[in-house]
PDB file of N, CA and C in Angstrom:
ATOM      1  N   MET A   1     -56.115 -95.798 -54.019  1.00  0.00           N
ATOM      2  CA  MET A   1     -55.510 -97.094 -53.756  1.00  0.00           C
ATOM      3  C   MET A   1     -54.344 -97.314 -54.721  1.00  0.00           C
ATOM      4  N   VAL A   2     -53.311 -97.931 -54.212  1.00  0.00           N
ATOM      5  CA  VAL A   2     -52.134 -98.177 -55.033  1.00  0.00           C
ATOM      6  C   VAL A   2     -51.688 -99.635 -54.906  1.00  0.00           C
ATOM      7  N   GLN A   3     -51.169-100.142 -55.990  1.00  0.00           N
ATOM      8  CA  GLN A   3     -50.500-101.431 -55.984  1.00  0.00           C
ATOM      9  C   GLN A   3     -49.057-101.123 -56.366  1.00  0.00           C
ATOM     10  N   ILE A   4     -48.103-101.726 -55.678  1.00  0.00           N
ATOM     11  CA  ILE A   4     -46.700-101.432 -55.967  1.00  0.00           C
ATOM     12  C   ILE A   4     -45.975-102.718 -56.336  1.00  0.00           C
ATOM     13  N   LYS A   5     -45.344-102.690 -57.507  1.00  0.00           N
ATOM     14  CA  LYS A   5     -44.549-103.824 -57.969  1.00  0.00           C
ATOM     15  C   LYS A   5     -43.078-103.436 -57.913  1.00  0.00           C
ATOM     16  N   ARG A   6     -42.234-104.447 -57.792  1.00  0.00           N
ATOM     17  CA  ARG A   6     -40.785-104.237 -57.839  1.00  0.00           C
ATOM     18  C   ARG A   6     -40.184-105.247 -58.794  1.00  0.00           C
ATOM     19  N   ILE A   7     -39.271-104.773 -59.620  1.00  0.00           N
ATOM     20  CA  ILE A   7     -38.487-105.679 -60.447  1.00  0.00           C
ATOM     21  C   ILE A   7     -37.026-105.231 -60.371  1.00  0.00           C
ATOM     22  N   GLN A   8     -36.138-106.179 -60.586  1.00  0.00           N
ATOM     23  CA  GLN A   8     -34.716-105.867 -60.547  1.00  0.00           C
ATOM     24  C   GLN A   8     -34.124-106.112 -61.930  1.00  0.00           C
ATOM     25  N   GLU A   9     -33.346-105.136 -62.399  1.00  0.00           N
ATOM     26  CA  GLU A   9     -32.660-105.238 -63.687  1.00  0.00           C
ATOM     27  C   GLU A   9     -31.255-104.693 -63.525  1.00  0.00           C
ATOM     28  N   ASP A  10     -30.260-105.487 -63.832  1.00  0.00           N
ATOM     29  CA  ASP A  10     -28.866-105.033 -63.854  1.00  0.00           C
ATOM     30  C   ASP A  10     -28.451-104.308 -62.573  1.00  0.00           C
ATOM     31  N   GLY A  11     -28.822-104.837 -61.419  1.00  0.00           N
ATOM     32  CA  GLY A  11     -28.437-104.235 -60.147  1.00  0.00           C
ATOM     33  C   GLY A  11     -29.233-103.002 -59.763  1.00  0.00           C
ATOM     34  N   THR A  12     -30.278-102.739 -60.507  1.00  0.00           N
ATOM     35  CA  THR A  12     -31.152-101.602 -60.236  1.00  0.00           C
ATOM     36  C   THR A  12     -32.502-102.109 -59.765  1.00  0.00           C
ATOM     37  N   ASP A  13     -33.049-101.480 -58.728  1.00  0.00           N
ATOM     38  CA  ASP A  13     -34.393-101.831 -58.258  1.00  0.00           C
ATOM     39  C   ASP A  13     -35.372-100.866 -58.911  1.00  0.00           C
ATOM     40  N   ILE A  14     -36.364-101.407 -59.583  1.00  0.00           N
ATOM     41  CA  ILE A  14     -37.381-100.582 -60.227  1.00  0.00           C
ATOM     42  C   ILE A  14     -38.685-100.747 -59.462  1.00  0.00           C
ATOM     43  N   ILE A  15     -39.174 -99.631 -58.941  1.00  0.00           N
ATOM     44  CA  ILE A  15     -40.417 -99.613 -58.163  1.00  0.00           C
ATOM     45  C   ILE A  15     -41.507 -99.034 -59.061  1.00  0.00           C
ATOM     46  N   ILE A  16     -42.611 -99.753 -59.156  1.00  0.00           N
ATOM     47  CA  ILE A  16     -43.685 -99.367 -60.068  1.00  0.00           C
ATOM     48  C   ILE A  16     -44.994 -99.175 -59.286  1.00  0.00           C
ATOM     49  N   PRO A  17     -45.321 -97.930 -58.923  1.00  0.00           N
ATOM     50  CA  PRO A  17     -46.618 -97.691 -58.281  1.00  0.00           C
ATOM     51  C   PRO A  17     -47.726 -97.649 -59.340  1.00  0.00           C
ATOM     52  N   ILE A  18     -48.797 -98.381 -59.092  1.00  0.00           N
ATOM     53  CA  ILE A  18     -49.907 -98.457 -60.033  1.00  0.00           C
ATOM     54  C   ILE A  18     -51.153 -97.896 -59.345  1.00  0.00           C
ATOM     55  N   GLY A  19     -51.726 -96.844 -59.926  1.00  0.00           N
ATOM     56  CA  GLY A  19     -52.932 -96.254 -59.366  1.00  0.00           C
ATOM     57  C   GLY A  19     -52.670 -94.912 -58.715  1.00  0.00           C
ATOM     58  N   GLU A  20     -53.176 -94.751 -57.497  1.00  0.00           N
ATOM     59  CA  GLU A  20     -53.109 -93.468 -56.804  1.00  0.00           C
ATOM     60  C   GLU A  20     -52.399 -93.604 -55.464  1.00  0.00           C
ATOM     61  N   ILE A  21     -51.521 -92.636 -55.177  1.00  0.00           N
ATOM     62  CA  ILE A  21     -50.852 -92.601 -53.880  1.00  0.00           C
ATOM     63  C   ILE A  21     -51.453 -91.451 -53.082  1.00  0.00           C
ATOM     64  N   ASP A  22     -52.153 -91.813 -52.004  1.00  0.00           N
ATOM     65  CA  ASP A  22     -52.739 -90.812 -51.126  1.00  0.00           C
ATOM     66  C   ASP A  22     -52.174 -91.015 -49.719  1.00  0.00           C
ATOM     67  N   ALA A  23     -52.776 -90.382 -48.734  1.00  0.00           N
ATOM     68  CA  ALA A  23     -52.249 -90.447 -47.368  1.00  0.00           C
ATOM     69  C   ALA A  23     -52.137 -91.879 -46.856  1.00  0.00           C
ATOM     70  N   SER A  24     -53.137 -92.700 -47.118  1.00  0.00           N
ATOM     71  CA  SER A  24     -53.093 -94.063 -46.593  1.00  0.00           C
ATOM     72  C   SER A  24     -52.146 -94.956 -47.394  1.00  0.00           C
ATOM     73  N   SER A  25     -52.126 -94.809 -48.699  1.00  0.00           N
ATOM     74  CA  SER A  25     -51.273 -95.687 -49.505  1.00  0.00           C
ATOM     75  C   SER A  25     -49.824 -95.208 -49.575  1.00  0.00           C
ATOM     76  N   SER A  26     -49.548 -93.988 -49.124  1.00  0.00           N
ATOM     77  CA  SER A  26     -48.167 -93.502 -49.124  1.00  0.00           C
ATOM     78  C   SER A  26     -47.295 -94.337 -48.187  1.00  0.00           C
ATOM     79  N   ILE A  27     -47.918 -94.941 -47.183  1.00  0.00           N
ATOM     80  CA  ILE A  27     -47.186 -95.805 -46.244  1.00  0.00           C
ATOM     81  C   ILE A  27     -46.603 -97.004 -47.000  1.00  0.00           C
ATOM     82  N   GLU A  28     -47.375 -97.562 -47.914  1.00  0.00           N
ATOM     83  CA  GLU A  28     -46.912 -98.704 -48.702  1.00  0.00           C
ATOM     84  C   GLU A  28     -45.719 -98.306 -49.581  1.00  0.00           C
ATOM     85  N   LEU A  29     -45.777 -97.107 -50.161  1.00  0.00           N
ATOM     86  CA  LEU A  29     -44.650 -96.606 -50.958  1.00  0.00           C
ATOM     87  C   LEU A  29     -43.408 -96.456 -50.085  1.00  0.00           C
ATOM     88  N   ASP A  30     -43.583 -95.895 -48.910  1.00  0.00           N
ATOM     89  CA  ASP A  30     -42.466 -95.700 -47.982  1.00  0.00           C
ATOM     90  C   ASP A  30     -41.835 -97.045 -47.611  1.00  0.00           C
ATOM     91  N   LEU A  31     -42.656 -98.017 -47.292  1.00  0.00           N
ATOM     92  CA  LEU A  31     -42.147 -99.343 -46.928  1.00  0.00           C
ATOM     93  C   LEU A  31     -41.408-100.010 -48.089  1.00  0.00           C
ATOM     94  N   THR A  32     -41.907 -99.806 -49.300  1.00  0.00           N
ATOM     95  CA  THR A  32     -41.272-100.395 -50.477  1.00  0.00           C
ATOM     96  C   THR A  32     -39.890 -99.787 -50.715  1.00  0.00           C
ATOM     97  N   ILE A  33     -39.796 -98.466 -50.605  1.00  0.00           N
ATOM     98  CA  ILE A  33     -38.495 -97.808 -50.787  1.00  0.00           C
ATOM     99  C   ILE A  33     -37.544 -98.229 -49.669  1.00  0.00           C
ATOM    100  N   ALA A  34     -38.049 -98.278 -48.439  1.00  0.00           N
ATOM    101  CA  ALA A  34     -37.207 -98.693 -47.307  1.00  0.00           C
ATOM    102  C   ALA A  34     -36.696-100.123 -47.501  1.00  0.00           C
ATOM    103  N   LYS A  35     -37.533-100.985 -48.037  1.00  0.00           N
ATOM    104  CA  LYS A  35     -37.123-102.368 -48.290  1.00  0.00           C
ATOM    105  C   LYS A  35     -36.016-102.409 -49.337  1.00  0.00           C
ATOM    106  N   SER A  36     -36.154-101.615 -50.369  1.00  0.00           N
ATOM    107  CA  SER A  36     -35.144-101.540 -51.414  1.00  0.00           C
ATOM    108  C   SER A  36     -33.798-101.100 -50.836  1.00  0.00           C
ATOM    109  N   VAL A  37     -33.818-100.073 -50.004  1.00  0.00           N
ATOM    110  CA  VAL A  37     -32.600 -99.582 -49.353  1.00  0.00           C
ATOM    111  C   VAL A  37     -32.040-100.658 -48.423  1.00  0.00           C
ATOM    112  N   GLY A  38     -32.923-101.294 -47.660  1.00  0.00           N
ATOM    113  CA  GLY A  38     -32.512-102.335 -46.726  1.00  0.00           C
ATOM    114  C   GLY A  38     -31.863-103.528 -47.416  1.00  0.00           C
ATOM    115  N   GLU A  39     -32.263-103.776 -48.654  1.00  0.00           N
ATOM    116  CA  GLU A  39     -31.688-104.878 -49.421  1.00  0.00           C
ATOM    117  C   GLU A  39     -30.380-104.470 -50.111  1.00  0.00           C
ATOM    118  N   GLY A  40     -29.963-103.233 -49.896  1.00  0.00           N
ATOM    119  CA  GLY A  40     -28.662-102.795 -50.395  1.00  0.00           C
ATOM    120  C   GLY A  40     -28.639-102.182 -51.781  1.00  0.00           C
ATOM    121  N   PHE A  41     -29.798-101.895 -52.335  1.00  0.00           N
ATOM    122  CA  PHE A  41     -29.812-101.272 -53.664  1.00  0.00           C
ATOM    123  C   PHE A  41     -29.327 -99.828 -53.564  1.00  0.00           C
ATOM    124  N   THR A  42     -28.441 -99.446 -54.493  1.00  0.00           N
ATOM    125  CA  THR A  42     -27.961 -98.057 -54.537  1.00  0.00           C
ATOM    126  C   THR A  42     -28.449 -97.344 -55.791  1.00  0.00           C
ATOM    127  N   LYS A  43     -29.169 -98.080 -56.627  1.00  0.00           N
ATOM    128  CA  LYS A  43     -29.783 -97.503 -57.825  1.00  0.00           C
ATOM    129  C   LYS A  43     -31.267 -97.861 -57.793  1.00  0.00           C
ATOM    130  N   ILE A  44     -32.099 -96.831 -57.651  1.00  0.00           N
ATOM    131  CA  ILE A  44     -33.540 -97.042 -57.547  1.00  0.00           C
ATOM    132  C   ILE A  44     -34.244 -96.198 -58.602  1.00  0.00           C
ATOM    133  N   LEU A  45     -35.018 -96.861 -59.441  1.00  0.00           N
ATOM    134  CA  LEU A  45     -35.835 -96.159 -60.418  1.00  0.00           C
ATOM    135  C   LEU A  45     -37.289 -96.260 -59.988  1.00  0.00           C
ATOM    136  N   ILE A  46     -38.011 -95.152 -60.122  1.00  0.00           N
ATOM    137  CA  ILE A  46     -39.442 -95.144 -59.830  1.00  0.00           C
ATOM    138  C   ILE A  46     -40.167 -94.964 -61.160  1.00  0.00           C
ATOM    139  N   ASP A  47     -40.836 -96.021 -61.610  1.00  0.00           N
ATOM    140  CA  ASP A  47     -41.571 -95.994 -62.877  1.00  0.00           C
ATOM    141  C   ASP A  47     -42.967 -95.430 -62.605  1.00  0.00           C
ATOM    142  N   CYS A  48     -43.173 -94.189 -63.010  1.00  0.00           N
ATOM    143  CA  CYS A  48     -44.437 -93.493 -62.726  1.00  0.00           C
ATOM    144  C   CYS A  48     -45.428 -93.576 -63.884  1.00  0.00           C
ATOM    145  N   SER A  49     -45.158 -94.426 -64.852  1.00  0.00           N
ATOM    146  CA  SER A  49     -46.014 -94.479 -66.042  1.00  0.00           C
ATOM    147  C   SER A  49     -47.430 -94.962 -65.746  1.00  0.00           C
ATOM    148  N   THR A  50     -47.626 -95.676 -64.637  1.00  0.00           N
ATOM    149  CA  THR A  50     -48.966 -96.140 -64.271  1.00  0.00           C
ATOM    150  C   THR A  50     -49.471 -95.439 -63.001  1.00  0.00           C
ATOM    151  N   LEU A  51     -48.787 -94.361 -62.620  1.00  0.00           N
ATOM    152  CA  LEU A  51     -49.210 -93.564 -61.464  1.00  0.00           C
ATOM    153  C   LEU A  51     -50.201 -92.508 -61.942  1.00  0.00           C
ATOM    154  N   GLU A  52     -51.420 -92.568 -61.426  1.00  0.00           N
ATOM    155  CA  GLU A  52     -52.474 -91.668 -61.883  1.00  0.00           C
ATOM    156  C   GLU A  52     -52.580 -90.401 -61.044  1.00  0.00           C
ATOM    157  N   TYR A  53     -52.183 -90.487 -59.765  1.00  0.00           N
ATOM    158  CA  TYR A  53     -52.343 -89.359 -58.842  1.00  0.00           C
ATOM    159  C   TYR A  53     -51.377 -89.541 -57.679  1.00  0.00           C
ATOM    160  N   ILE A  54     -50.860 -88.424 -57.158  1.00  0.00           N
ATOM    161  CA  ILE A  54     -50.047 -88.480 -55.944  1.00  0.00           C
ATOM    162  C   ILE A  54     -50.407 -87.292 -55.061  1.00  0.00           C
ATOM    163  N   SER A  55     -50.649 -87.569 -53.799  1.00  0.00           N
ATOM    164  CA  SER A  55     -51.006 -86.518 -52.839  1.00  0.00           C
ATOM    165  C   SER A  55     -49.742 -85.950 -52.204  1.00  0.00           C
ATOM    166  N   SER A  56     -49.918 -84.939 -51.382  1.00  0.00           N
ATOM    167  CA  SER A  56     -48.772 -84.349 -50.686  1.00  0.00           C
ATOM    168  C   SER A  56     -48.104 -85.377 -49.771  1.00  0.00           C
ATOM    169  N   ALA A  57     -48.884 -86.308 -49.231  1.00  0.00           N
ATOM    170  CA  ALA A  57     -48.298 -87.364 -48.390  1.00  0.00           C
ATOM    171  C   ALA A  57     -47.361 -88.245 -49.218  1.00  0.00           C
ATOM    172  N   GLY A  58     -47.746 -88.551 -50.426  1.00  0.00           N
ATOM    173  CA  GLY A  58     -46.898 -89.341 -51.312  1.00  0.00           C
ATOM    174  C   GLY A  58     -45.633 -88.589 -51.681  1.00  0.00           C
ATOM    175  N   LEU A  59     -45.783 -87.304 -51.953  1.00  0.00           N
ATOM    176  CA  LEU A  59     -44.614 -86.475 -52.259  1.00  0.00           C
ATOM    177  C   LEU A  59     -43.680 -86.421 -51.059  1.00  0.00           C
ATOM    178  N   GLY A  60     -44.265 -86.395 -49.877  1.00  0.00           N
ATOM    179  CA  GLY A  60     -43.481 -86.348 -48.644  1.00  0.00           C
ATOM    180  C   GLY A  60     -42.600 -87.575 -48.478  1.00  0.00           C
ATOM    181  N   VAL A  61     -43.064 -88.716 -48.978  1.00  0.00           N
ATOM    182  CA  VAL A  61     -42.257 -89.937 -48.911  1.00  0.00           C
ATOM    183  C   VAL A  61     -40.956 -89.726 -49.680  1.00  0.00           C
ATOM    184  N   PHE A  62     -41.056 -89.214 -50.893  1.00  0.00           N
ATOM    185  CA  PHE A  62     -39.853 -88.974 -51.685  1.00  0.00           C
ATOM    186  C   PHE A  62     -38.949 -87.952 -51.006  1.00  0.00           C
ATOM    187  N   MET A  63     -39.548 -86.915 -50.457  1.00  0.00           N
ATOM    188  CA  MET A  63     -38.776 -85.866 -49.772  1.00  0.00           C
ATOM    189  C   MET A  63     -38.016 -86.437 -48.578  1.00  0.00           C
ATOM    190  N   SER A  64     -38.634 -87.362 -47.881  1.00  0.00           N
ATOM    191  CA  SER A  64     -38.024 -87.895 -46.660  1.00  0.00           C
ATOM    192  C   SER A  64     -36.744 -88.685 -46.935  1.00  0.00           C
ATOM    193  N   TYR A  65     -36.528 -89.084 -48.174  1.00  0.00           N
ATOM    194  CA  TYR A  65     -35.346 -89.878 -48.505  1.00  0.00           C
ATOM    195  C   TYR A  65     -34.202 -89.061 -49.104  1.00  0.00           C
ATOM    196  N   ILE A  66     -34.429 -87.817 -49.443  1.00  0.00           N
ATOM    197  CA  ILE A  66     -33.409 -87.030 -50.149  1.00  0.00           C
ATOM    198  C   ILE A  66     -32.087 -86.985 -49.384  1.00  0.00           C
ATOM    199  N   GLU A  67     -32.126 -86.632 -48.122  1.00  0.00           N
ATOM    200  CA  GLU A  67     -30.892 -86.514 -47.340  1.00  0.00           C
ATOM    201  C   GLU A  67     -30.224 -87.872 -47.128  1.00  0.00           C
ATOM    202  N   GLU A  68     -31.031 -88.885 -46.789  1.00  0.00           N
ATOM    203  CA  GLU A  68     -30.476 -90.230 -46.562  1.00  0.00           C
ATOM    204  C   GLU A  68     -29.799 -90.761 -47.825  1.00  0.00           C
ATOM    205  N   PHE A  69     -30.458 -90.570 -48.960  1.00  0.00           N
ATOM    206  CA  PHE A  69     -29.891 -91.059 -50.215  1.00  0.00           C
ATOM    207  C   PHE A  69     -28.596 -90.329 -50.543  1.00  0.00           C
ATOM    208  N   SER A  70     -28.541 -89.062 -50.261  1.00  0.00           N
ATOM    209  CA  SER A  70     -27.319 -88.294 -50.487  1.00  0.00           C
ATOM    210  C   SER A  70     -26.190 -88.820 -49.601  1.00  0.00           C
ATOM    211  N   ASP A  71     -26.498 -89.052 -48.330  1.00  0.00           N
ATOM    212  CA  ASP A  71     -25.502 -89.552 -47.374  1.00  0.00           C
ATOM    213  C   ASP A  71     -24.986 -90.937 -47.756  1.00  0.00           C
ATOM    214  N   LYS A  72     -25.868 -91.782 -48.292  1.00  0.00           N
ATOM    215  CA  LYS A  72     -25.513 -93.165 -48.598  1.00  0.00           C
ATOM    216  C   LYS A  72     -25.144 -93.384 -50.071  1.00  0.00           C
ATOM    217  N   SER A  73     -25.051 -92.300 -50.831  1.00  0.00           N
ATOM    218  CA  SER A  73     -24.743 -92.380 -52.276  1.00  0.00           C
ATOM    219  C   SER A  73     -25.718 -93.287 -53.029  1.00  0.00           C
ATOM    220  N   ILE A  74     -26.990 -93.165 -52.686  1.00  0.00           N
ATOM    221  CA  ILE A  74     -28.041 -93.903 -53.385  1.00  0.00           C
ATOM    222  C   ILE A  74     -28.639 -92.962 -54.432  1.00  0.00           C
ATOM    223  N   LYS A  75     -28.761 -93.457 -55.643  1.00  0.00           N
ATOM    224  CA  LYS A  75     -29.352 -92.665 -56.725  1.00  0.00           C
ATOM    225  C   LYS A  75     -30.794 -93.113 -56.932  1.00  0.00           C
ATOM    226  N   MET A  76     -31.703 -92.122 -56.957  1.00  0.00           N
ATOM    227  CA  MET A  76     -33.109 -92.409 -57.249  1.00  0.00           C
ATOM    228  C   MET A  76     -33.544 -91.503 -58.397  1.00  0.00           C
ATOM    229  N   VAL A  77     -34.139 -92.109 -59.410  1.00  0.00           N
ATOM    230  CA  VAL A  77     -34.625 -91.355 -60.554  1.00  0.00           C
ATOM    231  C   VAL A  77     -36.071 -91.763 -60.815  1.00  0.00           C
ATOM    232  N   LEU A  78     -36.916 -90.763 -61.013  1.00  0.00           N
ATOM    233  CA  LEU A  78     -38.320 -90.996 -61.341  1.00  0.00           C
ATOM    234  C   LEU A  78     -38.500 -90.775 -62.836  1.00  0.00           C
ATOM    235  N   PHE A  79     -39.326 -91.604 -63.469  1.00  0.00           N
ATOM    236  CA  PHE A  79     -39.552 -91.440 -64.911  1.00  0.00           C
ATOM    237  C   PHE A  79     -40.968 -91.835 -65.301  1.00  0.00           C
ATOM    238  N   GLY A  80     -41.355 -91.368 -66.496  1.00  0.00           N
ATOM    239  CA  GLY A  80     -42.625 -91.784 -67.085  1.00  0.00           C
ATOM    240  C   GLY A  80     -43.858 -91.105 -66.518  1.00  0.00           C
ATOM    241  N   MET A  81     -43.705 -89.942 -65.901  1.00  0.00           N
ATOM    242  CA  MET A  81     -44.865 -89.268 -65.295  1.00  0.00           C
ATOM    243  C   MET A  81     -45.796 -88.690 -66.353  1.00  0.00           C
ATOM    244  N   ASN A  82     -47.098 -88.804 -66.090  1.00  0.00           N
ATOM    245  CA  ASN A  82     -48.041 -88.100 -66.945  1.00  0.00           C
ATOM    246  C   ASN A  82     -48.005 -86.609 -66.554  1.00  0.00           C
ATOM    247  N   ASP A  83     -48.592 -85.770 -67.370  1.00  0.00           N
ATOM    248  CA  ASP A  83     -48.517 -84.316 -67.147  1.00  0.00           C
ATOM    249  C   ASP A  83     -49.111 -83.893 -65.809  1.00  0.00           C
ATOM    250  N   LYS A  84     -50.205 -84.538 -65.410  1.00  0.00           N
ATOM    251  CA  LYS A  84     -50.872 -84.184 -64.150  1.00  0.00           C
ATOM    252  C   LYS A  84     -49.965 -84.458 -62.949  1.00  0.00           C
ATOM    253  N   VAL A  85     -49.344 -85.617 -62.926  1.00  0.00           N
ATOM    254  CA  VAL A  85     -48.454 -85.984 -61.819  1.00  0.00           C
ATOM    255  C   VAL A  85     -47.202 -85.108 -61.841  1.00  0.00           C
ATOM    256  N   LEU A  86     -46.622 -84.905 -63.014  1.00  0.00           N
ATOM    257  CA  LEU A  86     -45.435 -84.057 -63.137  1.00  0.00           C
ATOM    258  C   LEU A  86     -45.737 -82.637 -62.657  1.00  0.00           C
ATOM    259  N   ASN A  87     -46.892 -82.129 -63.004  1.00  0.00           N
ATOM    260  CA  ASN A  87     -47.294 -80.788 -62.584  1.00  0.00           C
ATOM    261  C   ASN A  87     -47.335 -80.677 -61.058  1.00  0.00           C
ATOM    262  N   THR A  88     -47.788 -81.724 -60.386  1.00  0.00           N
ATOM    263  CA  THR A  88     -47.831 -81.738 -58.917  1.00  0.00           C
ATOM    264  C   THR A  88     -46.417 -81.601 -58.350  1.00  0.00           C
ATOM    265  N   PHE A  89     -45.468 -82.330 -58.911  1.00  0.00           N
ATOM    266  CA  PHE A  89     -44.074 -82.236 -58.467  1.00  0.00           C
ATOM    267  C   PHE A  89     -43.513 -80.835 -58.739  1.00  0.00           C
ATOM    268  N   GLU A  90     -43.853 -80.279 -59.909  1.00  0.00           N
ATOM    269  CA  GLU A  90     -43.318 -78.970 -60.294  1.00  0.00           C
ATOM    270  C   GLU A  90     -43.885 -77.845 -59.436  1.00  0.00           C
ATOM    271  N   ILE A  91     -45.176 -77.882 -59.160  1.00  0.00           N
ATOM    272  CA  ILE A  91     -45.820 -76.833 -58.359  1.00  0.00           C
ATOM    273  C   ILE A  91     -45.156 -76.710 -56.989  1.00  0.00           C
ATOM    274  N   LEU A  92     -44.799 -77.851 -56.413  1.00  0.00           N
ATOM    275  CA  LEU A  92     -44.201 -77.841 -55.081  1.00  0.00           C
ATOM    276  C   LEU A  92     -42.671 -77.733 -55.112  1.00  0.00           C
ATOM    277  N   GLY A  93     -42.114 -77.583 -56.302  1.00  0.00           N
ATOM    278  CA  GLY A  93     -40.671 -77.402 -56.421  1.00  0.00           C
ATOM    279  C   GLY A  93     -39.863 -78.680 -56.277  1.00  0.00           C
ATOM    280  N   LEU A  94     -40.527 -79.815 -56.253  1.00  0.00           N
ATOM    281  CA  LEU A  94     -39.807 -81.071 -56.069  1.00  0.00           C
ATOM    282  C   LEU A  94     -39.043 -81.491 -57.320  1.00  0.00           C
ATOM    283  N   SER A  95     -39.444 -80.950 -58.455  1.00  0.00           N
ATOM    284  CA  SER A  95     -38.719 -81.278 -59.677  1.00  0.00           C
ATOM    285  C   SER A  95     -37.303 -80.698 -59.640  1.00  0.00           C
ATOM    286  N   GLU A  96     -37.072 -79.739 -58.738  1.00  0.00           N
ATOM    287  CA  GLU A  96     -35.731 -79.171 -58.558  1.00  0.00           C
ATOM    288  C   GLU A  96     -34.883 -80.026 -57.614  1.00  0.00           C
ATOM    289  N   LEU A  97     -35.530 -80.783 -56.737  1.00  0.00           N
ATOM    290  CA  LEU A  97     -34.833 -81.560 -55.707  1.00  0.00           C
ATOM    291  C   LEU A  97     -34.659 -83.027 -56.075  1.00  0.00           C
ATOM    292  N   LEU A  98     -35.511 -83.511 -56.955  1.00  0.00           N
ATOM    293  CA  LEU A  98     -35.473 -84.914 -57.370  1.00  0.00           C
ATOM    294  C   LEU A  98     -35.096 -84.994 -58.839  1.00  0.00           C
ATOM    295  N   THR A  99     -34.538 -86.110 -59.237  1.00  0.00           N
ATOM    296  CA  THR A  99     -34.209 -86.315 -60.649  1.00  0.00           C
ATOM    297  C   THR A  99     -35.418 -86.948 -61.328  1.00  0.00           C
ATOM    298  N   ILE A 100     -35.993 -86.208 -62.284  1.00  0.00           N
ATOM    299  CA  ILE A 100     -37.180 -86.667 -63.002  1.00  0.00           C
ATOM    300  C   ILE A 100     -36.878 -86.589 -64.497  1.00  0.00           C
ATOM    301  N   VAL A 101     -37.050 -87.710 -65.179  1.00  0.00           N
ATOM    302  CA  VAL A 101     -36.818 -87.765 -66.623  1.00  0.00           C
ATOM    303  C   VAL A 101     -38.031 -88.410 -67.294  1.00  0.00           C
ATOM    304  N   LYS A 102     -38.035 -88.358 -68.617  1.00  0.00           N
ATOM    305  CA  LYS A 102     -39.192 -88.862 -69.358  1.00  0.00           C
ATOM    306  C   LYS A 102     -39.203 -90.376 -69.529  1.00  0.00           C
ATOM    307  N   THR A 103     -38.031 -90.958 -69.856  1.00  0.00           N
ATOM    308  CA  THR A 103     -38.018 -92.368 -70.250  1.00  0.00           C
ATOM    309  C   THR A 103     -37.163 -93.234 -69.322  1.00  0.00           C
ATOM    310  N   LYS A 104     -37.415 -94.518 -69.420  1.00  0.00           N
ATOM    311  CA  LYS A 104     -36.639 -95.489 -68.644  1.00  0.00           C
ATOM    312  C   LYS A 104     -35.171 -95.469 -69.066  1.00  0.00           C
ATOM    313  N   ASP A 105     -34.920 -95.334 -70.354  1.00  0.00           N
ATOM    314  CA  ASP A 105     -33.533 -95.286 -70.832  1.00  0.00           C
ATOM    315  C   ASP A 105     -32.792 -94.090 -70.232  1.00  0.00           C
ATOM    316  N   GLU A 106     -33.449 -92.925 -70.214  1.00  0.00           N
ATOM    317  CA  GLU A 106     -32.838 -91.746 -69.596  1.00  0.00           C
ATOM    318  C   GLU A 106     -32.579 -91.986 -68.111  1.00  0.00           C
ATOM    319  N   ALA A 107     -33.539 -92.622 -67.449  1.00  0.00           N
ATOM    320  CA  ALA A 107     -33.408 -92.898 -66.021  1.00  0.00           C
ATOM    321  C   ALA A 107     -32.219 -93.807 -65.744  1.00  0.00           C
ATOM    322  N   LYS A 108     -32.059 -94.851 -66.568  1.00  0.00           N
ATOM    323  CA  LYS A 108     -30.932 -95.767 -66.396  1.00  0.00           C
ATOM    324  C   LYS A 108     -29.589 -95.039 -66.549  1.00  0.00           C
ATOM    325  N   GLN A 109     -29.549 -94.069 -67.454  1.00  0.00           N
ATOM    326  CA  GLN A 109     -28.318 -93.303 -67.650  1.00  0.00           C
ATOM    327  C   GLN A 109     -28.011 -92.427 -66.439  1.00  0.00           C
ATOM    328  N   LYS A 110     -29.035 -91.965 -65.731  1.00  0.00           N
ATOM    329  CA  LYS A 110     -28.845 -91.050 -64.596  1.00  0.00           C
ATOM    330  C   LYS A 110     -28.377 -91.763 -63.346  1.00  0.00           C
ATOM    331  N   VAL A 111     -28.656 -93.067 -63.227  1.00  0.00           N
ATOM    332  CA  VAL A 111     -28.194 -93.790 -62.032  1.00  0.00           C
ATOM    333  C   VAL A 111     -26.830 -94.370 -62.280  1.00  0.00           C
TER     334      VAL A 111
END
């Protein structure tokens, strides 16, 4: 189960998933990102510091936006992952396709 919060800072939308993203809760993540895009945000940070687990369905949500974000010049940066979650991204090669950094400050610099 996941709870997703959003906050806005300096024209950046920060999405904060709390808990676990699995097949059923990945839909909520997808809707949250789509809402952010729909509201015109071009800088999106994903704060993963409270994300405990992500399934392949959750990873698929991020993958589904790569081309659209490139086409629309939207920057998305993920930060604050614990080792377990980061390892999941690395095993599937997503760390090569997505921008992942350690801290919020680094993430802000990347967008």
